[in-house]
N, C-alpha and C. Protein backbone atom coordinates (compact mmCIF):
# COMPACT_ATOMS: atom_id res chain seq x y z
N MET A 1 258.36 193.09 167.62
CA MET A 1 257.80 194.32 167.07
C MET A 1 257.21 195.18 168.19
N ASN A 2 257.19 196.49 167.95
CA ASN A 2 256.61 197.44 168.88
C ASN A 2 255.42 198.11 168.20
N TYR A 3 254.26 198.01 168.83
CA TYR A 3 253.03 198.53 168.25
C TYR A 3 252.46 199.64 169.14
N VAL A 4 251.93 200.68 168.49
CA VAL A 4 251.35 201.81 169.21
C VAL A 4 249.89 201.97 168.82
N ILE A 5 249.03 202.06 169.83
CA ILE A 5 247.58 202.20 169.65
C ILE A 5 247.12 203.38 170.50
N ALA A 6 246.18 204.15 169.98
CA ALA A 6 245.68 205.30 170.75
C ALA A 6 244.16 205.35 170.73
N ASP A 7 243.58 205.91 171.78
CA ASP A 7 242.18 206.32 171.81
C ASP A 7 241.22 205.17 171.50
N ILE A 8 241.16 204.22 172.41
CA ILE A 8 240.25 203.08 172.28
C ILE A 8 238.82 203.48 172.62
N HIS A 9 238.66 204.37 173.58
CA HIS A 9 237.35 204.94 173.93
C HIS A 9 236.26 203.89 174.16
N ASN A 10 236.53 202.99 175.11
CA ASN A 10 235.52 202.02 175.57
C ASN A 10 235.16 200.95 174.54
N ASP A 11 235.86 200.91 173.40
CA ASP A 11 235.47 199.99 172.33
C ASP A 11 236.25 198.67 172.47
N LYS A 12 235.73 197.81 173.33
CA LYS A 12 236.38 196.52 173.56
C LYS A 12 236.41 195.70 172.27
N HIS A 13 235.37 195.77 171.46
CA HIS A 13 235.30 194.96 170.24
C HIS A 13 236.45 195.28 169.30
N ARG A 14 236.63 196.57 168.98
CA ARG A 14 237.72 196.93 168.06
C ARG A 14 239.09 196.64 168.68
N PHE A 15 239.21 196.84 169.99
CA PHE A 15 240.49 196.58 170.66
C PHE A 15 240.84 195.09 170.58
N ARG A 16 239.87 194.23 170.88
CA ARG A 16 240.12 192.79 170.81
C ARG A 16 240.44 192.36 169.37
N GLU A 17 239.73 192.94 168.42
CA GLU A 17 239.99 192.61 167.01
C GLU A 17 241.40 193.04 166.60
N MET A 18 241.83 194.21 167.09
CA MET A 18 243.18 194.67 166.78
C MET A 18 244.23 193.71 167.36
N LEU A 19 244.05 193.31 168.61
CA LEU A 19 245.01 192.38 169.23
C LEU A 19 245.03 191.04 168.48
N LYS A 20 243.87 190.64 167.99
CA LYS A 20 243.81 189.40 167.20
C LYS A 20 244.60 189.56 165.91
N LYS A 21 244.46 190.73 165.26
CA LYS A 21 245.22 190.99 164.03
C LYS A 21 246.72 190.98 164.28
N LEU A 22 247.14 191.59 165.40
CA LEU A 22 248.56 191.70 165.69
C LEU A 22 249.18 190.35 166.02
N ASP A 23 248.40 189.47 166.63
CA ASP A 23 248.88 188.12 166.97
C ASP A 23 250.24 188.21 167.67
N LEU A 24 250.25 188.85 168.81
CA LEU A 24 251.48 189.21 169.50
C LEU A 24 252.32 187.99 169.86
N LYS A 25 253.62 188.12 169.63
CA LYS A 25 254.58 187.10 170.02
C LYS A 25 255.19 187.49 171.37
N SER A 26 255.98 186.60 171.94
CA SER A 26 256.51 186.83 173.29
C SER A 26 257.38 188.08 173.36
N GLU A 27 258.07 188.41 172.27
CA GLU A 27 258.97 189.56 172.30
C GLU A 27 258.29 190.87 171.90
N ASP A 28 257.04 190.82 171.47
CA ASP A 28 256.34 192.02 171.02
C ASP A 28 255.88 192.88 172.19
N ARG A 29 255.75 194.18 171.94
CA ARG A 29 255.26 195.11 172.96
C ARG A 29 254.18 196.01 172.37
N VAL A 30 253.26 196.41 173.22
CA VAL A 30 252.16 197.30 172.82
C VAL A 30 252.21 198.54 173.70
N PHE A 31 252.08 199.71 173.08
CA PHE A 31 251.99 200.97 173.81
C PHE A 31 250.61 201.56 173.54
N LEU A 32 249.87 201.83 174.61
CA LEU A 32 248.54 202.43 174.51
C LEU A 32 248.65 203.89 174.91
N LEU A 33 248.29 204.79 173.98
CA LEU A 33 248.52 206.22 174.20
C LEU A 33 247.33 206.94 174.81
N GLY A 34 246.66 206.28 175.73
CA GLY A 34 245.64 206.97 176.51
C GLY A 34 244.26 207.03 175.87
N ASP A 35 243.32 207.57 176.64
CA ASP A 35 241.90 207.57 176.31
C ASP A 35 241.40 206.15 176.03
N LEU A 36 241.72 205.27 176.96
CA LEU A 36 241.12 203.95 176.93
C LEU A 36 239.61 204.05 177.16
N PHE A 37 239.19 205.07 177.91
CA PHE A 37 237.82 205.13 178.42
C PHE A 37 237.03 206.30 177.82
N ASP A 38 235.72 206.27 178.14
CA ASP A 38 234.73 207.27 177.74
C ASP A 38 234.30 207.11 176.28
N ARG A 39 233.16 207.69 176.00
CA ARG A 39 232.57 207.66 174.68
C ARG A 39 232.19 206.23 174.31
N GLY A 40 232.27 205.85 173.05
CA GLY A 40 231.85 204.52 172.60
C GLY A 40 230.45 204.58 172.03
N VAL A 41 230.33 204.41 170.70
CA VAL A 41 229.04 204.57 170.04
C VAL A 41 228.12 203.38 170.27
N TYR A 42 228.67 202.17 170.19
CA TYR A 42 227.82 201.00 170.37
C TYR A 42 228.46 200.06 171.40
N CYS A 43 227.64 199.54 172.27
CA CYS A 43 228.07 198.58 173.29
C CYS A 43 229.36 198.99 173.99
N PRO A 44 229.44 200.20 174.55
CA PRO A 44 230.67 200.59 175.25
C PRO A 44 230.93 199.63 176.42
N ASP A 45 232.17 199.21 176.56
CA ASP A 45 232.52 198.21 177.56
C ASP A 45 233.84 198.59 178.21
N PRO A 46 233.83 199.55 179.14
CA PRO A 46 235.08 199.96 179.78
C PRO A 46 235.72 198.85 180.60
N VAL A 47 234.90 197.98 181.21
CA VAL A 47 235.45 196.86 181.97
C VAL A 47 236.20 195.92 181.02
N GLY A 48 235.62 195.66 179.87
CA GLY A 48 236.27 194.80 178.89
C GLY A 48 237.59 195.37 178.39
N VAL A 49 237.62 196.69 178.16
CA VAL A 49 238.87 197.35 177.75
C VAL A 49 239.91 197.24 178.85
N TYR A 50 239.50 197.50 180.08
CA TYR A 50 240.40 197.44 181.23
C TYR A 50 240.98 196.03 181.39
N PHE A 51 240.13 195.02 181.35
CA PHE A 51 240.59 193.65 181.52
C PHE A 51 241.50 193.21 180.36
N ALA A 52 241.15 193.60 179.14
CA ALA A 52 241.99 193.25 177.99
C ALA A 52 243.37 193.87 178.12
N THR A 53 243.43 195.08 178.68
CA THR A 53 244.72 195.75 178.90
C THR A 53 245.53 195.00 179.96
N LEU A 54 244.87 194.65 181.06
CA LEU A 54 245.57 193.93 182.13
C LEU A 54 246.08 192.58 181.65
N GLU A 55 245.34 191.93 180.78
CA GLU A 55 245.74 190.62 180.27
C GLU A 55 247.05 190.68 179.48
N LEU A 56 247.37 191.85 178.93
CA LEU A 56 248.61 192.00 178.17
C LEU A 56 249.84 191.99 179.08
N GLY A 57 249.64 192.27 180.35
CA GLY A 57 250.72 192.19 181.34
C GLY A 57 251.91 193.05 180.97
N ASP A 58 253.11 192.44 181.06
CA ASP A 58 254.35 193.16 180.80
C ASP A 58 254.54 193.53 179.34
N LYS A 59 253.74 192.98 178.46
CA LYS A 59 253.82 193.36 177.05
C LYS A 59 253.33 194.77 176.80
N CYS A 60 252.59 195.34 177.75
CA CYS A 60 251.85 196.57 177.51
C CYS A 60 252.34 197.72 178.40
N THR A 61 252.54 198.87 177.80
CA THR A 61 252.78 200.11 178.52
C THR A 61 251.64 201.07 178.21
N VAL A 62 251.01 201.59 179.25
CA VAL A 62 249.87 202.50 179.08
C VAL A 62 250.28 203.91 179.47
N ILE A 63 249.94 204.87 178.65
CA ILE A 63 250.17 206.29 178.91
C ILE A 63 248.81 206.94 179.17
N ALA A 64 248.75 207.83 180.13
CA ALA A 64 247.48 208.43 180.52
C ALA A 64 246.98 209.41 179.46
N GLY A 65 245.68 209.37 179.21
CA GLY A 65 245.01 210.37 178.37
C GLY A 65 244.12 211.25 179.22
N ASN A 66 243.61 212.32 178.64
CA ASN A 66 242.77 213.24 179.40
C ASN A 66 241.49 212.58 179.88
N HIS A 67 240.88 211.73 179.05
CA HIS A 67 239.65 211.05 179.49
C HIS A 67 239.94 210.09 180.63
N ASP A 68 241.08 209.44 180.59
CA ASP A 68 241.46 208.53 181.68
C ASP A 68 241.62 209.30 182.98
N ARG A 69 242.30 210.44 182.91
CA ARG A 69 242.51 211.26 184.11
C ARG A 69 241.18 211.80 184.65
N TRP A 70 240.29 212.25 183.76
CA TRP A 70 238.98 212.74 184.21
C TRP A 70 238.25 211.63 184.96
N LEU A 71 238.25 210.43 184.39
CA LEU A 71 237.56 209.30 185.01
C LEU A 71 238.18 208.97 186.36
N ALA A 72 239.50 208.92 186.42
CA ALA A 72 240.18 208.56 187.68
C ALA A 72 239.88 209.56 188.78
N ARG A 73 239.93 210.84 188.44
CA ARG A 73 239.64 211.87 189.45
C ARG A 73 238.21 211.73 189.97
N TYR A 74 237.28 211.45 189.05
CA TYR A 74 235.88 211.29 189.49
C TYR A 74 235.75 210.08 190.40
N ILE A 75 236.33 208.95 190.01
CA ILE A 75 236.25 207.74 190.83
C ILE A 75 236.78 207.99 192.24
N LEU A 76 237.95 208.58 192.34
CA LEU A 76 238.59 208.76 193.64
C LEU A 76 237.83 209.78 194.49
N GLN A 77 237.31 210.82 193.86
CA GLN A 77 236.52 211.79 194.62
C GLN A 77 235.19 211.20 195.06
N TYR A 78 234.58 210.40 194.21
CA TYR A 78 233.30 209.78 194.54
C TYR A 78 233.43 208.88 195.77
N TYR A 79 234.45 208.03 195.79
CA TYR A 79 234.58 207.07 196.88
C TYR A 79 235.20 207.67 198.14
N GLU A 80 235.64 208.91 198.06
CA GLU A 80 236.03 209.63 199.27
C GLU A 80 234.81 210.17 200.02
N LEU A 81 233.67 210.26 199.32
CA LEU A 81 232.45 210.76 199.95
C LEU A 81 231.85 209.71 200.88
N PRO A 82 231.21 210.13 201.96
CA PRO A 82 230.43 209.18 202.77
C PRO A 82 229.31 208.57 201.92
N SER A 83 228.94 207.37 202.22
CA SER A 83 227.94 206.66 201.41
C SER A 83 226.67 207.46 201.22
N ARG A 84 226.23 208.16 202.27
CA ARG A 84 224.96 208.89 202.18
C ARG A 84 225.03 210.07 201.21
N LYS A 85 226.23 210.55 200.91
CA LYS A 85 226.38 211.71 200.02
C LYS A 85 226.63 211.32 198.56
N ARG A 86 226.88 210.05 198.33
CA ARG A 86 227.22 209.64 196.96
C ARG A 86 226.04 209.80 196.00
N LYS A 87 224.82 209.61 196.51
CA LYS A 87 223.65 209.76 195.64
C LYS A 87 223.46 211.19 195.19
N MET A 88 224.03 212.13 195.93
CA MET A 88 223.89 213.55 195.58
C MET A 88 225.06 214.05 194.74
N ALA A 89 226.02 213.19 194.47
CA ALA A 89 227.19 213.60 193.69
C ALA A 89 226.80 213.91 192.25
N LYS A 90 227.42 214.90 191.68
CA LYS A 90 227.17 215.24 190.28
C LYS A 90 227.57 214.06 189.40
N PRO A 91 226.71 213.62 188.47
CA PRO A 91 227.04 212.45 187.65
C PRO A 91 228.28 212.70 186.78
N TYR A 92 229.00 211.63 186.51
CA TYR A 92 230.13 211.73 185.59
C TYR A 92 229.61 212.05 184.20
N ARG A 93 230.36 212.79 183.43
CA ARG A 93 229.88 213.32 182.14
C ARG A 93 229.62 212.24 181.09
N TYR A 94 230.22 211.07 181.24
CA TYR A 94 229.98 209.95 180.32
C TYR A 94 229.40 208.79 181.12
N ASN A 95 228.93 207.75 180.41
CA ASN A 95 228.33 206.61 181.11
C ASN A 95 229.37 205.62 181.62
N THR A 96 230.65 205.93 181.42
CA THR A 96 231.73 205.01 181.80
C THR A 96 231.68 204.64 183.28
N PHE A 97 231.50 205.63 184.13
CA PHE A 97 231.52 205.36 185.57
C PHE A 97 230.43 204.38 185.96
N GLU A 98 229.23 204.59 185.49
CA GLU A 98 228.13 203.68 185.85
C GLU A 98 228.35 202.29 185.29
N LEU A 99 228.88 202.19 184.08
CA LEU A 99 229.16 200.88 183.50
C LEU A 99 230.22 200.13 184.29
N LEU A 100 231.23 200.84 184.78
CA LEU A 100 232.25 200.23 185.63
C LEU A 100 231.66 199.82 186.97
N LYS A 101 230.89 200.72 187.56
CA LYS A 101 230.34 200.50 188.90
C LYS A 101 229.37 199.31 188.93
N ASP A 102 228.73 199.03 187.80
CA ASP A 102 227.80 197.90 187.73
C ASP A 102 228.53 196.56 187.84
N ARG A 103 229.81 196.54 187.51
CA ARG A 103 230.52 195.25 187.44
C ARG A 103 231.72 195.14 188.36
N LEU A 104 232.20 196.26 188.89
CA LEU A 104 233.38 196.23 189.76
C LEU A 104 232.99 196.60 191.18
N THR A 105 233.69 196.02 192.14
CA THR A 105 233.47 196.38 193.54
C THR A 105 234.08 197.75 193.82
N GLU A 106 233.72 198.31 194.96
CA GLU A 106 234.30 199.59 195.36
C GLU A 106 235.82 199.51 195.45
N VAL A 107 236.32 198.43 196.00
CA VAL A 107 237.77 198.25 196.12
C VAL A 107 238.43 198.26 194.74
N ASP A 108 237.81 197.57 193.79
CA ASP A 108 238.38 197.51 192.44
C ASP A 108 238.24 198.84 191.71
N MET A 109 237.16 199.57 191.99
CA MET A 109 237.00 200.89 191.38
C MET A 109 238.11 201.83 191.84
N VAL A 110 238.37 201.84 193.14
CA VAL A 110 239.44 202.70 193.67
C VAL A 110 240.80 202.25 193.13
N LYS A 111 240.97 200.94 193.02
CA LYS A 111 242.23 200.41 192.46
C LYS A 111 242.41 200.90 191.03
N LEU A 112 241.34 200.91 190.24
CA LEU A 112 241.40 201.41 188.87
C LEU A 112 241.77 202.89 188.84
N GLY A 113 241.12 203.68 189.71
CA GLY A 113 241.42 205.11 189.76
C GLY A 113 242.88 205.38 190.08
N LYS A 114 243.40 204.65 191.06
CA LYS A 114 244.81 204.85 191.45
C LYS A 114 245.76 204.37 190.36
N TRP A 115 245.38 203.29 189.68
CA TRP A 115 246.20 202.79 188.57
C TRP A 115 246.32 203.85 187.48
N ILE A 116 245.20 204.43 187.12
CA ILE A 116 245.23 205.47 186.08
C ILE A 116 246.11 206.64 186.50
N MET A 117 245.97 207.08 187.74
CA MET A 117 246.74 208.24 188.20
C MET A 117 248.24 207.93 188.26
N SER A 118 248.61 206.65 188.30
CA SER A 118 250.02 206.27 188.34
C SER A 118 250.65 206.16 186.95
N LEU A 119 249.84 206.25 185.90
CA LEU A 119 250.34 206.05 184.55
C LEU A 119 251.23 207.21 184.12
N PRO A 120 252.28 206.93 183.36
CA PRO A 120 253.15 208.01 182.87
C PRO A 120 252.45 208.86 181.84
N LEU A 121 253.01 210.05 181.59
CA LEU A 121 252.48 210.96 180.58
C LEU A 121 253.27 210.89 179.28
N GLN A 122 254.45 210.32 179.33
CA GLN A 122 255.29 210.21 178.13
C GLN A 122 256.20 209.00 178.27
N GLN A 123 256.55 208.40 177.13
CA GLN A 123 257.46 207.27 177.10
C GLN A 123 258.44 207.46 175.94
N GLU A 124 259.72 207.25 176.21
CA GLU A 124 260.72 207.27 175.15
C GLU A 124 261.07 205.84 174.77
N VAL A 125 261.13 205.57 173.47
CA VAL A 125 261.42 204.23 172.97
C VAL A 125 262.44 204.34 171.85
N CYS A 126 263.44 203.48 171.87
CA CYS A 126 264.45 203.44 170.80
C CYS A 126 264.28 202.12 170.04
N VAL A 127 264.06 202.21 168.74
CA VAL A 127 263.85 201.03 167.91
C VAL A 127 264.78 201.12 166.70
N ASP A 128 265.68 200.16 166.58
CA ASP A 128 266.62 200.13 165.45
C ASP A 128 267.35 201.46 165.28
N GLY A 129 267.74 202.06 166.39
CA GLY A 129 268.49 203.31 166.37
C GLY A 129 267.64 204.55 166.17
N LYS A 130 266.35 204.40 166.01
CA LYS A 130 265.44 205.52 165.83
C LYS A 130 264.75 205.83 167.14
N ARG A 131 264.74 207.11 167.51
CA ARG A 131 264.23 207.51 168.82
C ARG A 131 262.79 208.03 168.69
N PHE A 132 261.90 207.41 169.44
CA PHE A 132 260.49 207.77 169.42
C PHE A 132 260.08 208.36 170.77
N LEU A 133 259.17 209.32 170.73
CA LEU A 133 258.50 209.83 171.92
C LEU A 133 257.01 209.54 171.78
N LEU A 134 256.44 208.94 172.81
CA LEU A 134 255.02 208.56 172.80
C LEU A 134 254.30 209.30 173.91
N ALA A 135 253.19 209.95 173.57
CA ALA A 135 252.36 210.62 174.57
C ALA A 135 250.95 210.72 174.02
N HIS A 136 250.00 211.09 174.87
CA HIS A 136 248.61 211.09 174.44
C HIS A 136 248.34 212.15 173.38
N ALA A 137 248.68 213.40 173.65
CA ALA A 137 248.35 214.48 172.72
C ALA A 137 249.58 215.16 172.13
N MET A 138 250.61 215.35 172.91
CA MET A 138 251.85 215.94 172.41
C MET A 138 253.00 215.54 173.33
N THR A 139 254.22 215.62 172.79
CA THR A 139 255.39 215.18 173.53
C THR A 139 256.28 216.36 173.88
N SER A 140 257.28 216.10 174.71
CA SER A 140 258.30 217.11 175.02
C SER A 140 259.67 216.48 174.96
N ASP A 141 260.69 217.31 174.79
CA ASP A 141 262.05 216.81 174.82
C ASP A 141 262.29 216.12 176.17
N PRO A 142 262.86 214.92 176.18
CA PRO A 142 263.11 214.23 177.45
C PRO A 142 263.96 215.03 178.42
N ALA A 143 264.78 215.95 177.90
CA ALA A 143 265.58 216.80 178.77
C ALA A 143 264.73 217.90 179.42
N ASP A 144 263.49 218.02 178.98
CA ASP A 144 262.59 219.05 179.49
C ASP A 144 261.24 218.42 179.84
N LEU A 145 261.30 217.35 180.61
CA LEU A 145 260.05 216.69 181.01
C LEU A 145 259.21 217.61 181.87
N ARG A 146 257.91 217.59 181.65
CA ARG A 146 256.99 218.51 182.33
C ARG A 146 256.24 217.80 183.44
N ASP A 147 255.99 218.53 184.52
CA ASP A 147 255.11 218.03 185.57
C ASP A 147 253.66 218.39 185.28
N ASP A 148 253.46 219.32 184.36
CA ASP A 148 252.13 219.84 184.07
C ASP A 148 251.40 218.90 183.12
N VAL A 149 250.38 218.22 183.62
CA VAL A 149 249.64 217.27 182.79
C VAL A 149 249.00 217.95 181.60
N HIS A 150 248.63 219.24 181.75
CA HIS A 150 247.95 219.93 180.65
C HIS A 150 248.86 220.09 179.44
N TYR A 151 250.18 220.18 179.67
CA TYR A 151 251.10 220.29 178.54
C TYR A 151 250.97 219.06 177.63
N TYR A 152 250.98 217.89 178.23
CA TYR A 152 250.94 216.67 177.44
C TYR A 152 249.56 216.40 176.85
N MET A 153 248.58 217.20 177.24
CA MET A 153 247.25 217.09 176.65
C MET A 153 247.05 218.09 175.51
N GLY A 154 248.10 218.83 175.14
CA GLY A 154 248.00 219.63 173.93
C GLY A 154 247.89 221.12 174.12
N ASP A 155 248.56 221.67 175.13
CA ASP A 155 248.45 223.11 175.38
C ASP A 155 249.25 223.97 174.41
N ASP A 156 250.25 223.41 173.73
CA ASP A 156 251.06 224.18 172.79
C ASP A 156 250.99 223.53 171.41
N TRP A 157 249.79 223.36 170.96
CA TRP A 157 249.44 222.50 169.84
C TRP A 157 250.09 222.91 168.52
N ASP A 158 249.97 224.17 168.11
CA ASP A 158 250.41 224.59 166.78
C ASP A 158 251.90 224.34 166.58
N GLU A 159 252.72 224.75 167.53
CA GLU A 159 254.16 224.57 167.44
C GLU A 159 254.52 223.09 167.37
N TYR A 160 253.87 222.30 168.17
CA TYR A 160 254.15 220.87 168.21
C TYR A 160 253.86 220.21 166.87
N LEU A 161 252.68 220.46 166.32
CA LEU A 161 252.29 219.80 165.08
C LEU A 161 253.17 220.21 163.91
N GLU A 162 253.67 221.43 163.91
CA GLU A 162 254.52 221.88 162.82
C GLU A 162 255.94 221.32 162.93
N ASN A 163 256.52 221.35 164.14
CA ASN A 163 257.94 221.07 164.30
C ASN A 163 258.27 219.80 165.07
N GLY A 164 257.35 219.29 165.87
CA GLY A 164 257.65 218.13 166.69
C GLY A 164 258.76 218.42 167.68
N VAL A 165 259.51 217.41 168.05
CA VAL A 165 260.66 217.55 168.95
C VAL A 165 261.90 217.15 168.16
N PRO A 166 262.83 218.07 167.91
CA PRO A 166 264.02 217.76 167.11
C PRO A 166 264.77 216.53 167.63
N GLY A 167 265.15 215.66 166.70
CA GLY A 167 265.89 214.46 167.05
C GLY A 167 265.03 213.25 167.36
N PHE A 168 263.71 213.44 167.37
CA PHE A 168 262.77 212.37 167.72
C PHE A 168 261.64 212.29 166.70
N VAL A 169 261.03 211.13 166.64
CA VAL A 169 259.73 210.97 165.97
C VAL A 169 258.69 210.87 167.07
N SER A 170 257.73 211.78 167.06
CA SER A 170 256.69 211.82 168.08
C SER A 170 255.43 211.14 167.56
N ILE A 171 254.81 210.34 168.42
CA ILE A 171 253.56 209.68 168.08
C ILE A 171 252.55 209.97 169.17
N SER A 172 251.40 210.47 168.77
CA SER A 172 250.35 210.85 169.72
C SER A 172 249.00 210.45 169.18
N GLY A 173 247.97 210.63 170.02
CA GLY A 173 246.59 210.41 169.61
C GLY A 173 245.81 211.69 169.83
N HIS A 174 244.67 211.57 170.50
CA HIS A 174 243.92 212.72 171.02
C HIS A 174 243.08 213.47 169.98
N ALA A 175 243.68 213.85 168.85
CA ALA A 175 242.99 214.67 167.85
C ALA A 175 242.62 213.80 166.66
N TYR A 176 241.39 213.95 166.22
CA TYR A 176 240.86 213.06 165.18
C TYR A 176 240.26 213.85 164.03
N GLY A 177 240.53 213.41 162.83
CA GLY A 177 239.83 213.89 161.66
C GLY A 177 239.93 215.37 161.41
N ALA A 178 238.79 216.04 161.50
CA ALA A 178 238.72 217.46 161.19
C ALA A 178 239.61 218.30 162.09
N ASP A 179 239.95 217.79 163.27
CA ASP A 179 240.87 218.51 164.16
C ASP A 179 242.23 218.72 163.52
N MET A 180 242.59 217.88 162.54
CA MET A 180 243.92 217.93 161.95
C MET A 180 243.95 218.64 160.60
N THR A 181 242.82 219.00 160.05
CA THR A 181 242.79 219.47 158.67
C THR A 181 243.37 220.86 158.49
N GLY A 182 243.52 221.63 159.54
CA GLY A 182 244.07 222.97 159.40
C GLY A 182 245.56 223.07 159.64
N TYR A 183 246.25 221.95 159.72
CA TYR A 183 247.66 221.96 160.10
C TYR A 183 248.61 221.45 159.01
N GLY A 184 248.16 221.46 157.76
CA GLY A 184 249.02 220.92 156.71
C GLY A 184 249.18 219.44 156.90
N GLY A 185 250.36 218.92 156.56
CA GLY A 185 250.56 217.49 156.71
C GLY A 185 249.63 216.71 155.81
N GLU A 186 249.46 215.43 156.12
CA GLU A 186 248.60 214.60 155.28
C GLU A 186 248.08 213.38 156.04
N PHE A 187 246.89 212.94 155.66
CA PHE A 187 246.39 211.66 156.11
C PHE A 187 247.02 210.58 155.24
N LEU A 188 247.53 209.52 155.84
CA LEU A 188 248.32 208.55 155.10
C LEU A 188 247.49 207.49 154.40
N ASP A 189 246.25 207.34 154.80
CA ASP A 189 245.40 206.33 154.17
C ASP A 189 244.07 207.01 153.82
N GLU A 190 242.96 206.49 154.25
CA GLU A 190 241.69 207.17 153.99
C GLU A 190 241.68 208.52 154.68
N ARG A 191 241.10 209.50 154.02
CA ARG A 191 241.02 210.83 154.61
C ARG A 191 240.23 210.77 155.92
N ILE A 192 240.66 211.51 156.89
CA ILE A 192 240.03 211.68 158.20
C ILE A 192 240.28 210.48 159.11
N ALA A 193 239.72 209.32 158.80
CA ALA A 193 239.82 208.18 159.73
C ALA A 193 241.08 207.38 159.49
N SER A 194 242.23 208.07 159.51
CA SER A 194 243.50 207.36 159.34
C SER A 194 244.62 208.14 160.01
N VAL A 195 245.80 207.56 160.01
CA VAL A 195 246.97 208.18 160.63
C VAL A 195 247.37 209.43 159.85
N TRP A 196 247.71 210.49 160.59
CA TRP A 196 248.14 211.77 160.00
C TRP A 196 249.61 212.00 160.32
N GLN A 197 250.38 212.57 159.37
CA GLN A 197 251.75 212.96 159.65
C GLN A 197 251.98 214.41 159.24
N ASN A 198 252.85 215.09 159.97
CA ASN A 198 253.14 216.49 159.64
C ASN A 198 254.11 216.58 158.46
N GLY A 199 254.37 217.81 158.01
CA GLY A 199 255.21 218.01 156.84
C GLY A 199 256.64 217.55 157.04
N LYS A 200 257.15 217.62 158.25
CA LYS A 200 258.52 217.20 158.54
C LYS A 200 258.64 215.70 158.79
N LYS A 201 257.52 215.02 158.81
CA LYS A 201 257.45 213.57 159.02
C LYS A 201 258.08 213.16 160.35
N ASN A 202 257.93 214.02 161.34
CA ASN A 202 258.42 213.67 162.68
C ASN A 202 257.32 213.73 163.74
N VAL A 203 256.07 213.92 163.30
CA VAL A 203 254.91 213.82 164.18
C VAL A 203 253.84 212.99 163.49
N TYR A 204 253.38 211.95 164.18
CA TYR A 204 252.30 211.11 163.69
C TYR A 204 251.17 211.17 164.71
N MET A 205 249.96 211.45 164.23
CA MET A 205 248.77 211.48 165.07
C MET A 205 247.91 210.29 164.65
N ILE A 206 247.67 209.37 165.58
CA ILE A 206 247.09 208.09 165.18
C ILE A 206 245.67 207.85 165.71
N ASP A 207 245.07 208.86 166.34
CA ASP A 207 243.65 208.73 166.71
C ASP A 207 242.84 208.75 165.42
N SER A 208 242.21 207.63 165.10
CA SER A 208 241.43 207.53 163.86
C SER A 208 239.94 207.40 164.13
N GLY A 209 239.51 207.88 165.30
CA GLY A 209 238.07 208.00 165.56
C GLY A 209 237.40 206.80 166.17
N CYS A 210 238.17 205.90 166.79
CA CYS A 210 237.53 204.80 167.50
C CYS A 210 236.65 205.40 168.60
N GLY A 211 235.45 204.91 168.73
CA GLY A 211 234.48 205.51 169.65
C GLY A 211 233.40 206.26 168.90
N TYR A 212 233.64 206.53 167.62
CA TYR A 212 232.64 207.12 166.72
C TYR A 212 232.25 206.08 165.68
N SER A 213 231.02 206.15 165.19
CA SER A 213 230.54 205.14 164.24
C SER A 213 231.34 205.16 162.94
N GLU A 214 231.79 206.35 162.52
CA GLU A 214 232.51 206.47 161.26
C GLU A 214 234.02 206.26 161.42
N GLY A 215 234.47 206.05 162.65
CA GLY A 215 235.90 205.97 162.92
C GLY A 215 236.45 204.56 162.88
N ARG A 216 237.76 204.48 163.13
CA ARG A 216 238.45 203.19 163.18
C ARG A 216 239.45 203.23 164.33
N LEU A 217 239.91 202.06 164.73
CA LEU A 217 241.02 201.97 165.66
C LEU A 217 242.27 201.75 164.83
N ALA A 218 243.30 202.59 165.09
CA ALA A 218 244.53 202.52 164.31
C ALA A 218 245.68 202.02 165.17
N CYS A 219 246.64 201.38 164.51
CA CYS A 219 247.86 200.92 165.16
C CYS A 219 249.03 201.21 164.23
N LEU A 220 250.16 201.63 164.81
CA LEU A 220 251.37 201.92 164.05
C LEU A 220 252.49 201.03 164.55
N CYS A 221 253.15 200.34 163.64
CA CYS A 221 254.30 199.51 163.98
C CYS A 221 255.57 200.36 163.91
N LEU A 222 256.33 200.44 164.98
CA LEU A 222 257.49 201.32 165.01
C LEU A 222 258.63 200.83 164.11
N GLU A 223 258.77 199.54 163.93
CA GLU A 223 259.84 199.02 163.09
C GLU A 223 259.61 199.33 161.62
N THR A 224 258.38 199.20 161.16
CA THR A 224 258.07 199.31 159.73
C THR A 224 257.25 200.54 159.38
N MET A 225 256.67 201.19 160.37
CA MET A 225 255.72 202.30 160.21
C MET A 225 254.47 201.86 159.45
N GLU A 226 254.22 200.56 159.43
CA GLU A 226 252.99 200.03 158.84
C GLU A 226 251.80 200.47 159.67
N ARG A 227 250.71 200.83 158.99
CA ARG A 227 249.46 201.18 159.66
C ARG A 227 248.49 200.01 159.59
N ILE A 228 247.87 199.71 160.70
CA ILE A 228 246.91 198.62 160.79
C ILE A 228 245.61 199.21 161.34
N TYR A 229 244.47 198.83 160.75
CA TYR A 229 243.20 199.40 161.16
C TYR A 229 242.16 198.32 161.45
N VAL A 230 241.27 198.65 162.37
CA VAL A 230 240.06 197.86 162.61
C VAL A 230 238.89 198.82 162.51
């Protein structure tokens, strides 16, 4: 089976619970659609999320999200500074950096930053003859792959949500709850904290608010389109 998860946002607890629910077999694969980091309402644990991801090894493909890129850029810029200037650096906007720095060495912090910057922005997957495009916020036709990271973070939002990419089913995260209410379509389970699909049923938005107290972590199975929540 192929499973897609988006927007973990430092929530190691929900992520571990989801992996426990999935009970992955040797042939199963997991796709993480970015925003592994930042935010987190209770006990945020970016190190735990990072390690849980690494433990999945070849079973896991990670796609970069905007929060991941923000964190990576900050890490790499911070460690380029001479030690005496680091105390004067503008703090990172979330507590993720300090939580990582408390537990990881400088070498491992830089390794994390470079790993994030190496992550793809889009992945194409074919399952049972059905063609899927996976990206953090929005996808593009594989024949028109973009170098511009901002495109995949949702710069052409209205057109994408209405029409998707012809010939593909697109799955993204990034937008949660009220962000989706003005675009038609429907929430497939509980309103707001569940998977949303557009009217043409070729775009699925699966950020269900993990990182917020009222949210959930969602997973979509590509073979069955079953939704799984924690």
